């Protein structure tokens, strides 16, 4: 991703994740910034989201990469998402065959995410 700080802000505001660790390693073309995020109060081995940016390399085009978030309440996440700069791509829907509710959003950088609850 091009703007890791914007992605961190988005994930915090729209999804409710907290930063666990920030890392920087490498140099030149291999310079890497990494932000590890998790739900508030989560402790290892709880699932994490790891944002990675190689600022000296080109980024994948929008739509090439996507993420998914298990959230407490899909509708609440969709209410928060626009204030964090997201666009609702596919409104919330029930998927009875899999016992879940999900929606798709695009973050401010055009990266697709699905928010789901099973």
PDB file of N, CA and C in Angstrom:
ATOM      1  N   UNK A   1       0.832  -1.170   0.000  1.00  0.00           N
ATOM      2  CA  UNK A   1       0.000   0.000   0.000  1.00  0.00           C
ATOM      3  C   UNK A   1       0.876   1.232   0.000  1.00  0.00           C
ATOM      4  N   UNK A   2       0.338   2.272  -0.572  1.00  0.00           N
ATOM      5  CA  UNK A   2       1.115   3.493  -0.726  1.00  0.00           C
ATOM      6  C   UNK A   2       1.190   4.300   0.564  1.00  0.00           C
ATOM      7  N   UNK A   3       0.071   4.442   1.263  1.00  0.00           N
ATOM      8  CA  UNK A   3       0.018   5.297   2.450  1.00  0.00           C
ATOM      9  C   UNK A   3      -0.359   4.470   3.671  1.00  0.00           C
ATOM     10  N   UNK A   4       0.630   3.897   4.329  1.00  0.00           N
ATOM     11  CA  UNK A   4       0.381   3.008   5.462  1.00  0.00           C
ATOM     12  C   UNK A   4      -0.246   3.755   6.644  1.00  0.00           C
ATOM     13  N   UNK A   5       0.093   5.035   6.812  1.00  0.00           N
ATOM     14  CA  UNK A   5      -0.507   5.817   7.897  1.00  0.00           C
ATOM     15  C   UNK A   5      -2.001   5.985   7.669  1.00  0.00           C
ATOM     16  N   UNK A   6      -2.401   6.233   6.423  1.00  0.00           N
ATOM     17  CA  UNK A   6      -3.827   6.359   6.106  1.00  0.00           C
ATOM     18  C   UNK A   6      -4.539   5.030   6.315  1.00  0.00           C
ATOM     19  N   UNK A   7      -3.892   3.925   5.938  1.00  0.00           N
ATOM     20  CA  UNK A   7      -4.491   2.597   6.137  1.00  0.00           C
ATOM     21  C   UNK A   7      -4.647   2.296   7.628  1.00  0.00           C
ATOM     22  N   UNK A   8      -3.655   2.665   8.418  1.00  0.00           N
ATOM     23  CA  UNK A   8      -3.734   2.473   9.874  1.00  0.00           C
ATOM     24  C   UNK A   8      -4.898   3.267  10.457  1.00  0.00           C
ATOM     25  N   UNK A   9      -5.017   4.523  10.061  1.00  0.00           N
ATOM     26  CA  UNK A   9      -6.115   5.361  10.546  1.00  0.00           C
ATOM     27  C   UNK A   9      -7.460   4.771  10.147  1.00  0.00           C
ATOM     28  N   UNK A  10      -7.566   4.341   8.900  1.00  0.00           N
ATOM     29  CA  UNK A  10      -8.805   3.735   8.421  1.00  0.00           C
ATOM     30  C   UNK A  10      -9.163   2.498   9.237  1.00  0.00           C
ATOM     31  N   UNK A  11      -8.217   1.589   9.430  1.00  0.00           N
ATOM     32  CA  UNK A  11      -8.497   0.349  10.166  1.00  0.00           C
ATOM     33  C   UNK A  11      -8.861   0.637  11.617  1.00  0.00           C
ATOM     34  N   UNK A  12      -8.288   1.658  12.178  1.00  0.00           N
ATOM     35  CA  UNK A  12      -8.609   2.043  13.548  1.00  0.00           C
ATOM     36  C   UNK A  12     -10.017   2.627  13.627  1.00  0.00           C
ATOM     37  N   UNK A  13     -10.330   3.576  12.743  1.00  0.00           N
ATOM     38  CA  UNK A  13     -11.620   4.262  12.799  1.00  0.00           C
ATOM     39  C   UNK A  13     -12.769   3.421  12.265  1.00  0.00           C
ATOM     40  N   UNK A  14     -12.566   2.722  11.169  1.00  0.00           N
ATOM     41  CA  UNK A  14     -13.661   1.986  10.535  1.00  0.00           C
ATOM     42  C   UNK A  14     -13.868   0.600  11.131  1.00  0.00           C
ATOM     43  N   UNK A  15     -12.787  -0.081  11.472  1.00  0.00           N
ATOM     44  CA  UNK A  15     -12.889  -1.455  11.944  1.00  0.00           C
ATOM     45  C   UNK A  15     -12.745  -1.550  13.461  1.00  0.00           C
ATOM     46  N   UNK A  16     -12.086  -0.562  14.072  1.00  0.00           N
ATOM     47  CA  UNK A  16     -11.915  -0.577  15.526  1.00  0.00           C
ATOM     48  C   UNK A  16     -10.666  -1.302  15.996  1.00  0.00           C
ATOM     49  N   UNK A  17      -9.661  -1.436  15.122  1.00  0.00           N
ATOM     50  CA  UNK A  17      -8.426  -2.125  15.494  1.00  0.00           C
ATOM     51  C   UNK A  17      -7.464  -1.181  16.207  1.00  0.00           C
ATOM     52  N   UNK A  18      -6.649  -1.752  17.087  1.00  0.00           N
ATOM     53  CA  UNK A  18      -5.594  -1.016  17.783  1.00  0.00           C
ATOM     54  C   UNK A  18      -4.232  -1.449  17.241  1.00  0.00           C
ATOM     55  N   UNK A  19      -3.265  -0.556  17.286  1.00  0.00           N
ATOM     56  CA  UNK A  19      -1.895  -0.886  16.875  1.00  0.00           C
ATOM     57  C   UNK A  19      -1.230  -1.681  17.989  1.00  0.00           C
ATOM     58  N   UNK A  20      -0.651  -2.822  17.622  1.00  0.00           N
ATOM     59  CA  UNK A  20       0.116  -3.643  18.557  1.00  0.00           C
ATOM     60  C   UNK A  20       1.603  -3.338  18.441  1.00  0.00           C
ATOM     61  N   UNK A  21       2.090  -3.247  17.194  1.00  0.00           N
ATOM     62  CA  UNK A  21       3.522  -3.053  16.938  1.00  0.00           C
ATOM     63  C   UNK A  21       3.697  -2.293  15.630  1.00  0.00           C
ATOM     64  N   UNK A  22       4.703  -1.420  15.587  1.00  0.00           N
ATOM     65  CA  UNK A  22       5.144  -0.781  14.339  1.00  0.00           C
ATOM     66  C   UNK A  22       6.600  -1.186  14.117  1.00  0.00           C
ATOM     67  N   UNK A  23       6.924  -1.578  12.892  1.00  0.00           N
ATOM     68  CA  UNK A  23       8.281  -2.000  12.557  1.00  0.00           C
ATOM     69  C   UNK A  23       8.765  -1.274  11.309  1.00  0.00           C
ATOM     70  N   UNK A  24      10.068  -1.086  11.222  1.00  0.00           N
ATOM     71  CA  UNK A  24      10.704  -0.598  10.004  1.00  0.00           C
ATOM     72  C   UNK A  24      11.969  -1.414   9.820  1.00  0.00           C
ATOM     73  N   UNK A  25      12.190  -1.904   8.597  1.00  0.00           N
ATOM     74  CA  UNK A  25      13.373  -2.720   8.333  1.00  0.00           C
ATOM     75  C   UNK A  25      13.808  -2.514   6.896  1.00  0.00           C
ATOM     76  N   UNK A  26      15.022  -2.913   6.596  1.00  0.00           N
ATOM     77  CA  UNK A  26      15.550  -2.853   5.243  1.00  0.00           C
ATOM     78  C   UNK A  26      15.969  -1.449   4.855  1.00  0.00           C
ATOM     79  N   UNK A  27      16.425  -1.348   3.613  1.00  0.00           N
ATOM     80  CA  UNK A  27      16.844  -0.060   3.066  1.00  0.00           C
ATOM     81  C   UNK A  27      16.693  -0.091   1.561  1.00  0.00           C
ATOM     82  N   UNK A  28      16.748   1.087   0.958  1.00  0.00           N
ATOM     83  CA  UNK A  28      16.610   1.178  -0.496  1.00  0.00           C
ATOM     84  C   UNK A  28      15.287   0.599  -0.964  1.00  0.00           C
ATOM     85  N   UNK A  29      15.332  -0.205  -2.023  1.00  0.00           N
ATOM     86  CA  UNK A  29      14.128  -0.824  -2.563  1.00  0.00           C
ATOM     87  C   UNK A  29      13.463  -1.772  -1.564  1.00  0.00           C
ATOM     88  N   UNK A  30      14.228  -2.308  -0.638  1.00  0.00           N
ATOM     89  CA  UNK A  30      13.697  -3.259   0.335  1.00  0.00           C
ATOM     90  C   UNK A  30      13.244  -2.609   1.642  1.00  0.00           C
ATOM     91  N   UNK A  31      13.216  -1.280   1.707  1.00  0.00           N
ATOM     92  CA  UNK A  31      12.704  -0.605   2.893  1.00  0.00           C
ATOM     93  C   UNK A  31      11.252  -1.015   3.090  1.00  0.00           C
ATOM     94  N   UNK A  32      10.936  -1.445   4.316  1.00  0.00           N
ATOM     95  CA  UNK A  32       9.593  -1.934   4.619  1.00  0.00           C
ATOM     96  C   UNK A  32       9.086  -1.284   5.896  1.00  0.00           C
ATOM     97  N   UNK A  33       7.831  -0.842   5.857  1.00  0.00           N
ATOM     98  CA  UNK A  33       7.136  -0.370   7.047  1.00  0.00           C
ATOM     99  C   UNK A  33       6.037  -1.389   7.328  1.00  0.00           C
ATOM    100  N   UNK A  34       5.878  -1.760   8.595  1.00  0.00           N
ATOM    101  CA  UNK A  34       4.872  -2.741   8.959  1.00  0.00           C
ATOM    102  C   UNK A  34       4.145  -2.262  10.205  1.00  0.00           C
ATOM    103  N   UNK A  35       2.829  -2.402  10.208  1.00  0.00           N
ATOM    104  CA  UNK A  35       1.997  -2.069  11.360  1.00  0.00           C
ATOM    105  C   UNK A  35       1.149  -3.299  11.655  1.00  0.00           C
ATOM    106  N   UNK A  36       1.285  -3.836  12.870  1.00  0.00           N
ATOM    107  CA  UNK A  36       0.491  -4.983  13.301  1.00  0.00           C
ATOM    108  C   UNK A  36      -0.671  -4.446  14.125  1.00  0.00           C
ATOM    109  N   UNK A  37      -1.892  -4.843  13.740  1.00  0.00           N
ATOM    110  CA  UNK A  37      -3.091  -4.345  14.416  1.00  0.00           C
ATOM    111  C   UNK A  37      -3.943  -5.534  14.878  1.00  0.00           C
ATOM    112  N   UNK A  38      -4.726  -5.311  15.929  1.00  0.00           N
ATOM    113  CA  UNK A  38      -5.606  -6.353  16.455  1.00  0.00           C
ATOM    114  C   UNK A  38      -6.811  -5.697  17.123  1.00  0.00           C
ATOM    115  N   UNK A  39      -7.802  -6.485  17.427  1.00  0.00           N
ATOM    116  CA  UNK A  39      -8.958  -5.982  18.161  1.00  0.00           C
ATOM    117  C   UNK A  39      -8.517  -5.547  19.550  1.00  0.00           C
ATOM    118  N   UNK A  40      -9.152  -4.528  20.107  1.00  0.00           N
ATOM    119  CA  UNK A  40      -8.782  -4.062  21.451  1.00  0.00           C
ATOM    120  C   UNK A  40      -8.824  -5.210  22.460  1.00  0.00           C
ATOM    121  N   UNK A  41      -7.779  -5.325  23.248  1.00  0.00           N
ATOM    122  CA  UNK A  41      -7.694  -6.356  24.272  1.00  0.00           C
ATOM    123  C   UNK A  41      -7.261  -7.723  23.775  1.00  0.00           C
ATOM    124  N   UNK A  42      -7.087  -7.878  22.465  1.00  0.00           N
ATOM    125  CA  UNK A  42      -6.678  -9.179  21.922  1.00  0.00           C
ATOM    126  C   UNK A  42      -5.251  -9.495  22.343  1.00  0.00           C
ATOM    127  N   UNK A  43      -5.034 -10.749  22.673  1.00  0.00           N
ATOM    128  CA  UNK A  43      -3.695 -11.202  23.059  1.00  0.00           C
ATOM    129  C   UNK A  43      -3.306 -12.369  22.180  1.00  0.00           C
ATOM    130  N   UNK A  44      -2.025 -12.491  21.866  1.00  0.00           N
ATOM    131  CA  UNK A  44      -1.588 -13.623  21.031  1.00  0.00           C
ATOM    132  C   UNK A  44      -2.061 -14.928  21.651  1.00  0.00           C
ATOM    133  N   UNK A  45      -2.484 -15.879  20.857  1.00  0.00           N
ATOM    134  CA  UNK A  45      -2.387 -15.954  19.392  1.00  0.00           C
ATOM    135  C   UNK A  45      -3.610 -15.433  18.651  1.00  0.00           C
ATOM    136  N   UNK A  46      -4.288 -14.437  19.163  1.00  0.00           N
ATOM    137  CA  UNK A  46      -5.458 -13.873  18.481  1.00  0.00           C
ATOM    138  C   UNK A  46      -5.077 -13.416  17.074  1.00  0.00           C
ATOM    139  N   UNK A  47      -6.027 -13.462  16.140  1.00  0.00           N
ATOM    140  CA  UNK A  47      -5.735 -13.002  14.778  1.00  0.00           C
ATOM    141  C   UNK A  47      -5.333 -11.527  14.757  1.00  0.00           C
ATOM    142  N   UNK A  48      -4.442 -11.207  13.862  1.00  0.00           N
ATOM    143  CA  UNK A  48      -3.957  -9.842  13.666  1.00  0.00           C
ATOM    144  C   UNK A  48      -4.153  -9.439  12.220  1.00  0.00           C
ATOM    145  N   UNK A  49      -4.093  -8.154  11.989  1.00  0.00           N
ATOM    146  CA  UNK A  49      -3.991  -7.613  10.644  1.00  0.00           C
ATOM    147  C   UNK A  49      -2.609  -6.997  10.562  1.00  0.00           C
ATOM    148  N   UNK A  50      -1.878  -7.338   9.523  1.00  0.00           N
ATOM    149  CA  UNK A  50      -0.543  -6.782   9.340  1.00  0.00           C
ATOM    150  C   UNK A  50      -0.546  -5.953   8.065  1.00  0.00           C
ATOM    151  N   UNK A  51      -0.358  -4.647   8.230  1.00  0.00           N
ATOM    152  CA  UNK A  51      -0.247  -3.729   7.097  1.00  0.00           C
ATOM    153  C   UNK A  51       1.223  -3.639   6.719  1.00  0.00           C
ATOM    154  N   UNK A  52       1.520  -3.796   5.453  1.00  0.00           N
ATOM    155  CA  UNK A  52       2.913  -3.741   4.995  1.00  0.00           C
ATOM    156  C   UNK A  52       3.013  -2.763   3.833  1.00  0.00           C
ATOM    157  N   UNK A  53       4.038  -1.927   3.893  1.00  0.00           N
ATOM    158  CA  UNK A  53       4.292  -0.976   2.816  1.00  0.00           C
ATOM    159  C   UNK A  53       5.770  -1.028   2.451  1.00  0.00           C
ATOM    160  N   UNK A  54       6.021  -1.116   1.153  1.00  0.00           N
ATOM    161  CA  UNK A  54       7.372  -0.972   0.617  1.00  0.00           C
ATOM    162  C   UNK A  54       7.374   0.359  -0.122  1.00  0.00           C
ATOM    163  N   UNK A  55       7.684   1.464   0.564  1.00  0.00           N
ATOM    164  CA  UNK A  55       7.514   2.794  -0.032  1.00  0.00           C
ATOM    165  C   UNK A  55       8.369   3.061  -1.261  1.00  0.00           C
ATOM    166  N   UNK A  56       9.407   2.284  -1.481  1.00  0.00           N
ATOM    167  CA  UNK A  56      10.268   2.503  -2.637  1.00  0.00           C
ATOM    168  C   UNK A  56       9.967   1.538  -3.786  1.00  0.00           C
ATOM    169  N   UNK A  57       8.811   0.887  -3.724  1.00  0.00           N
ATOM    170  CA  UNK A  57       8.350  -0.010  -4.787  1.00  0.00           C
ATOM    171  C   UNK A  57       6.969   0.455  -5.239  1.00  0.00           C
ATOM    172  N   UNK A  58       6.550   0.020  -6.411  1.00  0.00           N
ATOM    173  CA  UNK A  58       5.200   0.365  -6.864  1.00  0.00           C
ATOM    174  C   UNK A  58       4.187  -0.528  -6.151  1.00  0.00           C
ATOM    175  N   UNK A  59       2.967  -0.029  -6.036  1.00  0.00           N
ATOM    176  CA  UNK A  59       1.892  -0.723  -5.327  1.00  0.00           C
ATOM    177  C   UNK A  59       1.037  -1.525  -6.294  1.00  0.00           C
ATOM    178  N   UNK A  60       0.371  -2.579  -5.768  1.00  0.00           N
ATOM    179  CA  UNK A  60      -0.609  -3.264  -6.612  1.00  0.00           C
ATOM    180  C   UNK A  60      -1.754  -2.308  -6.935  1.00  0.00           C
ATOM    181  N   UNK A  61      -2.342  -2.429  -8.110  1.00  0.00           N
ATOM    182  CA  UNK A  61      -3.467  -1.548  -8.441  1.00  0.00           C
ATOM    183  C   UNK A  61      -4.684  -1.869  -7.578  1.00  0.00           C
ATOM    184  N   UNK A  62      -5.577  -0.894  -7.365  1.00  0.00           N
ATOM    185  CA  UNK A  62      -6.794  -1.156  -6.596  1.00  0.00           C
ATOM    186  C   UNK A  62      -7.547  -2.357  -7.165  1.00  0.00           C
ATOM    187  N   UNK A  63      -8.043  -3.189  -6.291  1.00  0.00           N
ATOM    188  CA  UNK A  63      -8.791  -4.376  -6.691  1.00  0.00           C
ATOM    189  C   UNK A  63      -7.935  -5.620  -6.769  1.00  0.00           C
ATOM    190  N   UNK A  64      -6.608  -5.469  -6.774  1.00  0.00           N
ATOM    191  CA  UNK A  64      -5.737  -6.628  -6.865  1.00  0.00           C
ATOM    192  C   UNK A  64      -5.553  -7.305  -5.510  1.00  0.00           C
ATOM    193  N   UNK A  65      -5.677  -6.540  -4.444  1.00  0.00           N
ATOM    194  CA  UNK A  65      -5.526  -7.084  -3.102  1.00  0.00           C
ATOM    195  C   UNK A  65      -6.794  -6.774  -2.314  1.00  0.00           C
ATOM    196  N   UNK A  66      -7.166  -7.679  -1.425  1.00  0.00           N
ATOM    197  CA  UNK A  66      -8.338  -7.461  -0.583  1.00  0.00           C
ATOM    198  C   UNK A  66      -8.076  -8.051   0.797  1.00  0.00           C
ATOM    199  N   UNK A  67      -8.810  -7.573   1.768  1.00  0.00           N
ATOM    200  CA  UNK A  67      -8.706  -8.095   3.128  1.00  0.00           C
ATOM    201  C   UNK A  67     -10.100  -8.430   3.622  1.00  0.00           C
ATOM    202  N   UNK A  68     -10.166  -9.164   4.703  1.00  0.00           N
ATOM    203  CA  UNK A  68     -11.445  -9.484   5.329  1.00  0.00           C
ATOM    204  C   UNK A  68     -11.334  -9.291   6.822  1.00  0.00           C
ATOM    205  N   UNK A  69     -12.399  -8.794   7.430  1.00  0.00           N
ATOM    206  CA  UNK A  69     -12.406  -8.545   8.864  1.00  0.00           C
ATOM    207  C   UNK A  69     -13.607  -9.210   9.505  1.00  0.00           C
ATOM    208  N   UNK A  70     -13.362  -9.994  10.529  1.00  0.00           N
ATOM    209  CA  UNK A  70     -14.430 -10.507  11.365  1.00  0.00           C
ATOM    210  C   UNK A  70     -14.752  -9.408  12.357  1.00  0.00           C
ATOM    211  N   UNK A  71     -15.982  -8.902  12.336  1.00  0.00           N
ATOM    212  CA  UNK A  71     -16.376  -7.793  13.194  1.00  0.00           C
ATOM    213  C   UNK A  71     -17.531  -8.224  14.095  1.00  0.00           C
ATOM    214  N   UNK A  72     -17.707  -7.509  15.193  1.00  0.00           N
ATOM    215  CA  UNK A  72     -18.802  -7.794  16.117  1.00  0.00           C
ATOM    216  C   UNK A  72     -20.152  -7.510  15.470  1.00  0.00           C
ATOM    217  N   UNK A  73     -20.239  -6.401  14.694  1.00  0.00           N
ATOM    218  CA  UNK A  73     -21.501  -5.954  14.134  1.00  0.00           C
ATOM    219  C   UNK A  73     -21.232  -5.344  12.761  1.00  0.00           C
ATOM    220  N   UNK A  74     -21.663  -6.018  11.717  1.00  0.00           N
ATOM    221  CA  UNK A  74     -21.426  -5.560  10.347  1.00  0.00           C
ATOM    222  C   UNK A  74     -22.061  -4.192  10.109  1.00  0.00           C
ATOM    223  N   UNK A  75     -23.292  -4.015  10.571  1.00  0.00           N
ATOM    224  CA  UNK A  75     -23.986  -2.751  10.327  1.00  0.00           C
ATOM    225  C   UNK A  75     -23.293  -1.587  11.032  1.00  0.00           C
ATOM    226  N   UNK A  76     -22.804  -1.809  12.235  1.00  0.00           N
ATOM    227  CA  UNK A  76     -22.077  -0.759  12.960  1.00  0.00           C
ATOM    228  C   UNK A  76     -20.782  -0.413  12.219  1.00  0.00           C
ATOM    229  N   UNK A  77     -20.096  -1.430  11.688  1.00  0.00           N
ATOM    230  CA  UNK A  77     -18.866  -1.175  10.924  1.00  0.00           C
ATOM    231  C   UNK A  77     -19.178  -0.337   9.687  1.00  0.00           C
ATOM    232  N   UNK A  78     -20.312  -0.625   9.030  1.00  0.00           N
ATOM    233  CA  UNK A  78     -20.690   0.152   7.841  1.00  0.00           C
ATOM    234  C   UNK A  78     -21.070   1.582   8.202  1.00  0.00           C
ATOM    235  N   UNK A  79     -21.603   1.785   9.376  1.00  0.00           N
ATOM    236  CA  UNK A  79     -21.922   3.147   9.814  1.00  0.00           C
ATOM    237  C   UNK A  79     -20.650   3.955  10.055  1.00  0.00           C
ATOM    238  N   UNK A  80     -19.592   3.309  10.582  1.00  0.00           N
ATOM    239  CA  UNK A  80     -18.330   4.002  10.864  1.00  0.00           C
ATOM    240  C   UNK A  80     -17.486   4.213   9.617  1.00  0.00           C
ATOM    241  N   UNK A  81     -17.590   3.327   8.651  1.00  0.00           N
ATOM    242  CA  UNK A  81     -16.686   3.317   7.499  1.00  0.00           C
ATOM    243  C   UNK A  81     -16.652   4.623   6.705  1.00  0.00           C
ATOM    244  N   UNK A  82     -17.789   5.230   6.336  1.00  0.00           N
ATOM    245  CA  UNK A  82     -17.706   6.476   5.549  1.00  0.00           C
ATOM    246  C   UNK A  82     -16.986   7.613   6.273  1.00  0.00           C
ATOM    247  N   UNK A  83     -17.148   7.699   7.585  1.00  0.00           N
ATOM    248  CA  UNK A  83     -16.455   8.750   8.340  1.00  0.00           C
ATOM    249  C   UNK A  83     -14.942   8.544   8.301  1.00  0.00           C
ATOM    250  N   UNK A  84     -14.518   7.301   8.074  1.00  0.00           N
ATOM    251  CA  UNK A  84     -13.095   6.993   7.970  1.00  0.00           C
ATOM    252  C   UNK A  84     -12.601   7.083   6.529  1.00  0.00           C
ATOM    253  N   UNK A  85     -13.481   7.508   5.602  1.00  0.00           N
ATOM    254  CA  UNK A  85     -13.081   7.686   4.219  1.00  0.00           C
ATOM    255  C   UNK A  85     -13.417   6.534   3.299  1.00  0.00           C
ATOM    256  N   UNK A  86     -14.157   5.543   3.782  1.00  0.00           N
ATOM    257  CA  UNK A  86     -14.491   4.376   2.959  1.00  0.00           C
ATOM    258  C   UNK A  86     -15.724   4.628   2.109  1.00  0.00           C
ATOM    259  N   UNK A  87     -15.829   3.828   1.073  1.00  0.00           N
ATOM    260  CA  UNK A  87     -17.015   3.775   0.234  1.00  0.00           C
ATOM    261  C   UNK A  87     -17.631   2.401   0.409  1.00  0.00           C
ATOM    262  N   UNK A  88     -18.925   2.333   0.587  1.00  0.00           N
ATOM    263  CA  UNK A  88     -19.589   1.032   0.680  1.00  0.00           C
ATOM    264  C   UNK A  88     -19.741   0.501  -0.735  1.00  0.00           C
ATOM    265  N   UNK A  89     -19.087  -0.609  -1.015  1.00  0.00           N
ATOM    266  CA  UNK A  89     -19.077  -1.206  -2.343  1.00  0.00           C
ATOM    267  C   UNK A  89     -20.281  -2.134  -2.525  1.00  0.00           C
ATOM    268  N   UNK A  90     -20.518  -3.004  -1.555  1.00  0.00           N
ATOM    269  CA  UNK A  90     -21.674  -3.914  -1.558  1.00  0.00           C
ATOM    270  C   UNK A  90     -22.304  -3.828  -0.177  1.00  0.00           C
ATOM    271  N   UNK A  91     -23.570  -3.403  -0.099  1.00  0.00           N
ATOM    272  CA  UNK A  91     -24.229  -3.268   1.208  1.00  0.00           C
ATOM    273  C   UNK A  91     -24.301  -4.605   1.952  1.00  0.00           C
ATOM    274  N   UNK A  92     -24.570  -4.517   3.240  1.00  0.00           N
ATOM    275  CA  UNK A  92     -24.670  -5.721   4.071  1.00  0.00           C
ATOM    276  C   UNK A  92     -25.728  -6.673   3.527  1.00  0.00           C
ATOM    277  N   UNK A  93     -25.407  -7.948   3.590  1.00  0.00           N
ATOM    278  CA  UNK A  93     -26.326  -8.985   3.130  1.00  0.00           C
ATOM    279  C   UNK A  93     -26.167 -10.222   3.998  1.00  0.00           C
ATOM    280  N   UNK A  94     -27.205 -10.994   4.047  1.00  0.00           N
ATOM    281  CA  UNK A  94     -27.174 -12.272   4.745  1.00  0.00           C
ATOM    282  C   UNK A  94     -26.728 -13.346   3.760  1.00  0.00           C
ATOM    283  N   UNK A  95     -25.906 -14.269   4.236  1.00  0.00           N
ATOM    284  CA  UNK A  95     -25.484 -15.419   3.434  1.00  0.00           C
ATOM    285  C   UNK A  95     -25.885 -16.655   4.235  1.00  0.00           C
ATOM    286  N   UNK A  96     -27.176 -17.034   4.146  1.00  0.00           N
ATOM    287  CA  UNK A  96     -27.697 -18.108   4.989  1.00  0.00           C
ATOM    288  C   UNK A  96     -26.952 -19.438   4.850  1.00  0.00           C
ATOM    289  N   UNK A  97     -26.516 -19.749   3.637  1.00  0.00           N
ATOM    290  CA  UNK A  97     -25.822 -21.029   3.405  1.00  0.00           C
ATOM    291  C   UNK A  97     -24.592 -21.166   4.301  1.00  0.00           C
ATOM    292  N   UNK A  98     -23.953 -20.039   4.606  1.00  0.00           N
ATOM    293  CA  UNK A  98     -22.742 -20.060   5.436  1.00  0.00           C
ATOM    294  C   UNK A  98     -22.982 -19.446   6.813  1.00  0.00           C
ATOM    295  N   UNK A  99     -24.227 -19.063   7.112  1.00  0.00           N
ATOM    296  CA  UNK A  99     -24.570 -18.519   8.420  1.00  0.00           C
ATOM    297  C   UNK A  99     -23.838 -17.220   8.739  1.00  0.00           C
ATOM    298  N   UNK A 100     -23.723 -16.357   7.764  1.00  0.00           N
ATOM    299  CA  UNK A 100     -22.990 -15.111   8.014  1.00  0.00           C
ATOM    300  C   UNK A 100     -23.689 -13.907   7.410  1.00  0.00           C
ATOM    301  N   UNK A 101     -23.278 -12.750   7.890  1.00  0.00           N
ATOM    302  CA  UNK A 101     -23.690 -11.465   7.341  1.00  0.00           C
ATOM    303  C   UNK A 101     -22.404 -10.791   6.880  1.00  0.00           C
ATOM    304  N   UNK A 102     -22.401 -10.217   5.681  1.00  0.00           N
ATOM    305  CA  UNK A 102     -21.189  -9.579   5.191  1.00  0.00           C
ATOM    306  C   UNK A 102     -21.492  -8.394   4.303  1.00  0.00           C
ATOM    307  N   UNK A 103     -20.490  -7.561   4.141  1.00  0.00           N
ATOM    308  CA  UNK A 103     -20.548  -6.379   3.284  1.00  0.00           C
ATOM    309  C   UNK A 103     -19.147  -6.133   2.743  1.00  0.00           C
ATOM    310  N   UNK A 104     -19.065  -5.357   1.684  1.00  0.00           N
ATOM    311  CA  UNK A 104     -17.775  -5.019   1.084  1.00  0.00           C
ATOM    312  C   UNK A 104     -17.613  -3.506   1.055  1.00  0.00           C
ATOM    313  N   UNK A 105     -16.430  -3.040   1.434  1.00  0.00           N
ATOM    314  CA  UNK A 105     -16.123  -1.616   1.426  1.00  0.00           C
ATOM    315  C   UNK A 105     -14.809  -1.394   0.683  1.00  0.00           C
ATOM    316  N   UNK A 106     -14.594  -0.165   0.242  1.00  0.00           N
ATOM    317  CA  UNK A 106     -13.319   0.243  -0.350  1.00  0.00           C
ATOM    318  C   UNK A 106     -12.712   1.293   0.558  1.00  0.00           C
ATOM    319  N   UNK A 107     -11.467   1.078   0.974  1.00  0.00           N
ATOM    320  CA  UNK A 107     -10.825   2.062   1.845  1.00  0.00           C
ATOM    321  C   UNK A 107     -10.425   3.289   1.021  1.00  0.00           C
ATOM    322  N   UNK A 108      -9.893   4.329   1.667  1.00  0.00           N
ATOM    323  CA  UNK A 108      -9.562   5.547   0.924  1.00  0.00           C
ATOM    324  C   UNK A 108      -8.541   5.352  -0.202  1.00  0.00           C
ATOM    325  N   UNK A 109      -7.781   4.246  -0.154  1.00  0.00           N
ATOM    326  CA  UNK A 109      -6.806   3.966  -1.212  1.00  0.00           C
ATOM    327  C   UNK A 109      -7.376   3.041  -2.283  1.00  0.00           C
ATOM    328  N   UNK A 110      -8.672   2.682  -2.152  1.00  0.00           N
ATOM    329  CA  UNK A 110      -9.315   1.806  -3.135  1.00  0.00           C
ATOM    330  C   UNK A 110      -9.108   0.329  -2.866  1.00  0.00           C
ATOM    331  N   UNK A 111      -8.556  -0.023  -1.714  1.00  0.00           N
ATOM    332  CA  UNK A 111      -8.329  -1.421  -1.365  1.00  0.00           C
ATOM    333  C   UNK A 111      -9.636  -2.000  -0.833  1.00  0.00           C
ATOM    334  N   UNK A 112     -10.056  -3.116  -1.391  1.00  0.00           N
ATOM    335  CA  UNK A 112     -11.300  -3.750  -0.994  1.00  0.00           C
ATOM    336  C   UNK A 112     -11.160  -4.548   0.294  1.00  0.00           C
ATOM    337  N   UNK A 113     -12.210  -4.498   1.093  1.00  0.00           N
ATOM    338  CA  UNK A 113     -12.280  -5.274   2.338  1.00  0.00           C
ATOM    339  C   UNK A 113     -13.693  -5.804   2.480  1.00  0.00           C
ATOM    340  N   UNK A 114     -13.791  -6.986   3.071  1.00  0.00           N
ATOM    341  CA  UNK A 114     -15.128  -7.428   3.450  1.00  0.00           C
ATOM    342  C   UNK A 114     -15.182  -7.463   4.964  1.00  0.00           C
ATOM    343  N   UNK A 115     -16.333  -7.107   5.486  1.00  0.00           N
ATOM    344  CA  UNK A 115     -16.606  -7.151   6.916  1.00  0.00           C
ATOM    345  C   UNK A 115     -17.653  -8.236   7.096  1.00  0.00           C
ATOM    346  N   UNK A 116     -17.390  -9.180   7.981  1.00  0.00           N
ATOM    347  CA  UNK A 116     -18.358 -10.262   8.123  1.00  0.00           C
ATOM    348  C   UNK A 116     -18.517 -10.657   9.588  1.00  0.00           C
ATOM    349  N   UNK A 117     -19.617 -11.303   9.845  1.00  0.00           N
ATOM    350  CA  UNK A 117     -19.920 -11.853  11.164  1.00  0.00           C
ATOM    351  C   UNK A 117     -20.603 -13.184  10.941  1.00  0.00           C
ATOM    352  N   UNK A 118     -20.104 -14.230  11.618  1.00  0.00           N
ATOM    353  CA  UNK A 118     -20.734 -15.536  11.455  1.00  0.00           C
ATOM    354  C   UNK A 118     -21.410 -15.946  12.741  1.00  0.00           C
TER     355      UNK A 118
END
